[in-house]
Amino acid sequence: MDDIDAANELAEQDRQGALAEHFRRRRTSIALGAADVRHTPGNGAGPGEGGKAEARHCSDCGHAIPAQRLAAQPYATRCIGCQTKHERER
């Protein structure tokens, strides 16, 4: 095996490692589901602080996505109004 083959093999190992890490993180995110809320520093929402978590926000209008919508669609990125508009435009 020459230097180029060795470099190509090392690059392939790096790509495979990065891909494995990506899918590991993705599985973790999916497993969290509706529990996926943001904890901003200083709002008392850290572990053991008993703080209140901040709700996720619509990617279009920026308003908070209602808890009922997240319970029905844990991976929702839009509020129901923006999602309806998005689907009509498609």
N, C-alpha and C. Protein backbone atom coordinates (compact mmCIF):
# COMPACT_ATOMS: atom_id res chain seq x y z
N MET A 1 0.86 -1.18 0.00
CA MET A 1 0.00 0.00 0.00
C MET A 1 0.90 1.23 0.00
N ASP A 2 0.66 2.13 -0.94
CA ASP A 2 1.48 3.34 -0.99
C ASP A 2 0.84 4.45 -0.15
N ASP A 3 1.49 5.60 -0.12
CA ASP A 3 1.03 6.72 0.72
C ASP A 3 -0.36 7.22 0.32
N ILE A 4 -0.64 7.23 -0.97
CA ILE A 4 -1.95 7.72 -1.42
C ILE A 4 -3.06 6.77 -0.97
N ASP A 5 -2.82 5.47 -1.10
CA ASP A 5 -3.81 4.50 -0.64
C ASP A 5 -4.03 4.62 0.87
N ALA A 6 -2.96 4.79 1.60
CA ALA A 6 -3.07 4.94 3.05
C ALA A 6 -3.86 6.19 3.41
N ALA A 7 -3.61 7.28 2.70
CA ALA A 7 -4.33 8.53 2.96
C ALA A 7 -5.80 8.37 2.61
N ASN A 8 -6.09 7.71 1.51
CA ASN A 8 -7.49 7.48 1.11
C ASN A 8 -8.21 6.60 2.13
N GLU A 9 -7.54 5.59 2.65
CA GLU A 9 -8.13 4.72 3.65
C GLU A 9 -8.41 5.49 4.94
N LEU A 10 -7.48 6.32 5.34
CA LEU A 10 -7.67 7.13 6.55
C LEU A 10 -8.83 8.11 6.37
N ALA A 11 -8.92 8.72 5.18
CA ALA A 11 -10.01 9.66 4.90
C ALA A 11 -11.36 8.93 4.94
N GLU A 12 -11.39 7.72 4.40
CA GLU A 12 -12.63 6.94 4.42
C GLU A 12 -13.03 6.58 5.85
N GLN A 13 -12.06 6.24 6.68
CA GLN A 13 -12.35 5.94 8.08
C GLN A 13 -12.91 7.17 8.79
N ASP A 14 -12.35 8.34 8.48
CA ASP A 14 -12.85 9.58 9.07
C ASP A 14 -14.29 9.84 8.64
N ARG A 15 -14.59 9.64 7.35
CA ARG A 15 -15.95 9.84 6.85
C ARG A 15 -16.92 8.89 7.52
N GLN A 16 -16.52 7.62 7.65
CA GLN A 16 -17.39 6.63 8.29
C GLN A 16 -17.64 6.98 9.76
N GLY A 17 -16.60 7.45 10.45
CA GLY A 17 -16.76 7.86 11.84
C GLY A 17 -17.69 9.04 11.98
N ALA A 18 -17.56 10.02 11.08
CA ALA A 18 -18.43 11.20 11.12
C ALA A 18 -19.87 10.81 10.83
N LEU A 19 -20.07 9.91 9.87
CA LEU A 19 -21.41 9.45 9.54
C LEU A 19 -22.04 8.69 10.71
N ALA A 20 -21.27 7.84 11.35
CA ALA A 20 -21.77 7.11 12.51
C ALA A 20 -22.17 8.07 13.63
N GLU A 21 -21.36 9.09 13.87
CA GLU A 21 -21.67 10.09 14.91
C GLU A 21 -22.93 10.86 14.55
N HIS A 22 -23.08 11.22 13.28
CA HIS A 22 -24.27 11.94 12.83
C HIS A 22 -25.53 11.13 13.13
N PHE A 23 -25.53 9.83 12.77
CA PHE A 23 -26.70 9.01 12.99
C PHE A 23 -26.93 8.72 14.47
N ARG A 24 -25.88 8.64 15.26
CA ARG A 24 -26.04 8.48 16.70
C ARG A 24 -26.76 9.68 17.29
N ARG A 25 -26.34 10.87 16.87
CA ARG A 25 -26.99 12.10 17.37
C ARG A 25 -28.43 12.19 16.88
N ARG A 26 -28.66 11.77 15.66
CA ARG A 26 -30.01 11.82 15.10
C ARG A 26 -30.94 10.89 15.88
N ARG A 27 -30.46 9.67 16.17
CA ARG A 27 -31.27 8.73 16.96
C ARG A 27 -31.58 9.31 18.34
N THR A 28 -30.61 9.98 18.94
CA THR A 28 -30.82 10.58 20.25
C THR A 28 -31.87 11.68 20.16
N SER A 29 -31.80 12.51 19.12
CA SER A 29 -32.78 13.57 18.94
C SER A 29 -34.18 13.02 18.75
N ILE A 30 -34.30 11.98 17.94
CA ILE A 30 -35.60 11.37 17.69
C ILE A 30 -36.14 10.75 18.97
N ALA A 31 -35.27 10.12 19.74
CA ALA A 31 -35.71 9.50 20.99
C ALA A 31 -36.25 10.53 21.97
N LEU A 32 -35.72 11.73 21.93
CA LEU A 32 -36.19 12.78 22.84
C LEU A 32 -37.60 13.23 22.47
N GLY A 33 -37.91 13.25 21.17
CA GLY A 33 -39.25 13.58 20.70
C GLY A 33 -39.79 14.87 21.25
N ALA A 34 -40.96 14.80 21.85
CA ALA A 34 -41.63 15.98 22.35
C ALA A 34 -40.91 16.61 23.54
N ALA A 35 -40.01 15.88 24.15
CA ALA A 35 -39.26 16.43 25.28
C ALA A 35 -38.18 17.39 24.81
N ASP A 36 -38.09 17.59 23.49
CA ASP A 36 -37.07 18.46 22.91
C ASP A 36 -37.47 19.92 23.11
N VAL A 37 -37.00 20.50 24.19
CA VAL A 37 -37.21 21.91 24.47
C VAL A 37 -35.87 22.55 24.73
N ARG A 38 -35.80 23.85 24.49
CA ARG A 38 -34.55 24.56 24.71
C ARG A 38 -34.48 25.07 26.13
N HIS A 39 -33.31 24.96 26.72
CA HIS A 39 -33.06 25.53 28.04
C HIS A 39 -32.03 26.63 27.83
N THR A 40 -32.46 27.85 28.03
CA THR A 40 -31.54 28.95 27.83
C THR A 40 -30.82 29.25 29.13
N PRO A 41 -29.53 29.61 29.05
CA PRO A 41 -28.78 29.92 30.27
C PRO A 41 -29.43 31.06 31.04
N GLY A 42 -29.46 30.90 32.35
CA GLY A 42 -29.96 31.98 33.19
C GLY A 42 -31.46 31.97 33.41
N ASN A 43 -32.20 31.03 32.81
CA ASN A 43 -33.63 31.03 33.05
C ASN A 43 -34.04 30.04 34.12
N GLY A 44 -33.02 29.47 34.81
CA GLY A 44 -33.32 28.53 35.88
C GLY A 44 -33.81 27.20 35.37
N ALA A 45 -33.49 26.85 34.12
CA ALA A 45 -33.99 25.62 33.55
C ALA A 45 -32.94 24.53 33.50
N GLY A 46 -31.86 24.72 34.18
CA GLY A 46 -30.81 23.71 34.17
C GLY A 46 -31.21 22.51 35.00
N PRO A 47 -30.44 21.45 34.89
CA PRO A 47 -30.76 20.25 35.66
C PRO A 47 -30.82 20.53 37.15
N GLY A 48 -31.89 20.11 37.77
CA GLY A 48 -32.02 20.24 39.21
C GLY A 48 -32.37 21.64 39.69
N GLU A 49 -32.61 22.56 38.76
CA GLU A 49 -32.92 23.93 39.17
C GLU A 49 -34.42 24.17 39.25
N GLY A 50 -35.21 23.21 38.75
CA GLY A 50 -36.66 23.35 38.84
C GLY A 50 -37.20 24.47 38.00
N GLY A 51 -36.46 24.89 37.00
CA GLY A 51 -36.89 26.00 36.16
C GLY A 51 -37.89 25.58 35.12
N LYS A 52 -38.39 26.57 34.40
CA LYS A 52 -39.38 26.32 33.37
C LYS A 52 -38.70 26.31 32.02
N ALA A 53 -38.95 25.31 31.19
CA ALA A 53 -38.34 25.21 29.87
C ALA A 53 -39.05 26.15 28.90
N GLU A 54 -38.31 26.66 27.96
CA GLU A 54 -38.86 27.54 26.93
C GLU A 54 -39.39 26.69 25.79
N ALA A 55 -40.58 26.98 25.30
CA ALA A 55 -41.20 26.20 24.23
C ALA A 55 -40.46 26.40 22.91
N ARG A 56 -40.62 25.44 22.01
CA ARG A 56 -40.03 25.59 20.67
C ARG A 56 -40.85 26.61 19.90
N HIS A 57 -40.20 27.23 18.92
CA HIS A 57 -40.85 28.28 18.15
C HIS A 57 -40.95 27.91 16.68
N CYS A 58 -42.00 28.44 16.03
CA CYS A 58 -42.26 28.21 14.62
C CYS A 58 -41.10 28.75 13.78
N SER A 59 -40.66 27.97 12.81
CA SER A 59 -39.55 28.39 11.96
C SER A 59 -39.96 29.49 10.99
N ASP A 60 -41.26 29.69 10.77
CA ASP A 60 -41.73 30.72 9.84
C ASP A 60 -42.08 32.04 10.54
N CYS A 61 -42.98 31.95 11.53
CA CYS A 61 -43.46 33.19 12.16
C CYS A 61 -42.75 33.52 13.47
N GLY A 62 -42.12 32.53 14.10
CA GLY A 62 -41.40 32.77 15.33
C GLY A 62 -42.23 32.65 16.60
N HIS A 63 -43.53 32.42 16.48
CA HIS A 63 -44.38 32.25 17.66
C HIS A 63 -44.14 30.87 18.26
N ALA A 64 -44.45 30.72 19.54
CA ALA A 64 -44.30 29.44 20.22
C ALA A 64 -45.24 28.41 19.60
N ILE A 65 -44.75 27.20 19.42
CA ILE A 65 -45.59 26.11 18.92
C ILE A 65 -46.35 25.55 20.12
N PRO A 66 -47.68 25.52 20.06
CA PRO A 66 -48.47 25.05 21.20
C PRO A 66 -48.12 23.62 21.61
N ALA A 67 -48.20 23.36 22.90
CA ALA A 67 -47.86 22.04 23.44
C ALA A 67 -48.75 20.96 22.84
N GLN A 68 -50.01 21.28 22.55
CA GLN A 68 -50.92 20.31 21.96
C GLN A 68 -50.41 19.88 20.58
N ARG A 69 -49.90 20.81 19.81
CA ARG A 69 -49.37 20.48 18.48
C ARG A 69 -48.12 19.61 18.61
N LEU A 70 -47.25 19.95 19.55
CA LEU A 70 -46.04 19.15 19.75
C LEU A 70 -46.37 17.76 20.28
N ALA A 71 -47.46 17.64 21.04
CA ALA A 71 -47.86 16.32 21.51
C ALA A 71 -48.33 15.46 20.34
N ALA A 72 -49.03 16.09 19.38
CA ALA A 72 -49.52 15.36 18.22
C ALA A 72 -48.43 15.15 17.17
N GLN A 73 -47.57 16.15 16.99
CA GLN A 73 -46.49 16.12 16.00
C GLN A 73 -45.19 16.53 16.69
N PRO A 74 -44.52 15.61 17.36
CA PRO A 74 -43.32 15.96 18.14
C PRO A 74 -42.21 16.61 17.33
N TYR A 75 -42.18 16.39 16.03
CA TYR A 75 -41.10 16.93 15.20
C TYR A 75 -41.52 18.19 14.45
N ALA A 76 -42.67 18.75 14.80
CA ALA A 76 -43.19 19.93 14.11
C ALA A 76 -42.20 21.09 14.23
N THR A 77 -42.00 21.78 13.12
CA THR A 77 -41.14 22.96 13.11
C THR A 77 -41.94 24.23 12.84
N ARG A 78 -43.24 24.05 12.52
CA ARG A 78 -44.10 25.20 12.25
C ARG A 78 -45.36 25.12 13.11
N CYS A 79 -45.93 26.27 13.43
CA CYS A 79 -47.22 26.29 14.11
C CYS A 79 -48.26 25.80 13.11
N ILE A 80 -49.45 25.50 13.57
CA ILE A 80 -50.47 24.92 12.69
C ILE A 80 -50.85 25.88 11.56
N GLY A 81 -50.91 27.18 11.86
CA GLY A 81 -51.25 28.15 10.82
C GLY A 81 -50.21 28.21 9.71
N CYS A 82 -48.95 28.26 10.08
CA CYS A 82 -47.88 28.32 9.07
C CYS A 82 -47.76 27.00 8.33
N GLN A 83 -48.00 25.87 9.01
CA GLN A 83 -47.94 24.57 8.34
C GLN A 83 -49.06 24.46 7.32
N THR A 84 -50.25 24.93 7.67
CA THR A 84 -51.38 24.91 6.74
C THR A 84 -51.06 25.75 5.52
N LYS A 85 -50.53 26.95 5.74
CA LYS A 85 -50.15 27.84 4.64
C LYS A 85 -49.08 27.18 3.77
N HIS A 86 -48.10 26.57 4.39
CA HIS A 86 -47.01 25.89 3.67
C HIS A 86 -47.56 24.77 2.78
N GLU A 87 -48.49 23.98 3.31
CA GLU A 87 -49.06 22.88 2.55
C GLU A 87 -49.92 23.37 1.40
N ARG A 88 -50.62 24.49 1.57
CA ARG A 88 -51.43 25.05 0.49
C ARG A 88 -50.57 25.59 -0.64
N GLU A 89 -49.40 26.11 -0.29
CA GLU A 89 -48.50 26.66 -1.31
C GLU A 89 -47.84 25.58 -2.13
N ARG A 90 -47.76 24.38 -1.57
CA ARG A 90 -47.12 23.27 -2.28
C ARG A 90 -48.02 22.69 -3.26
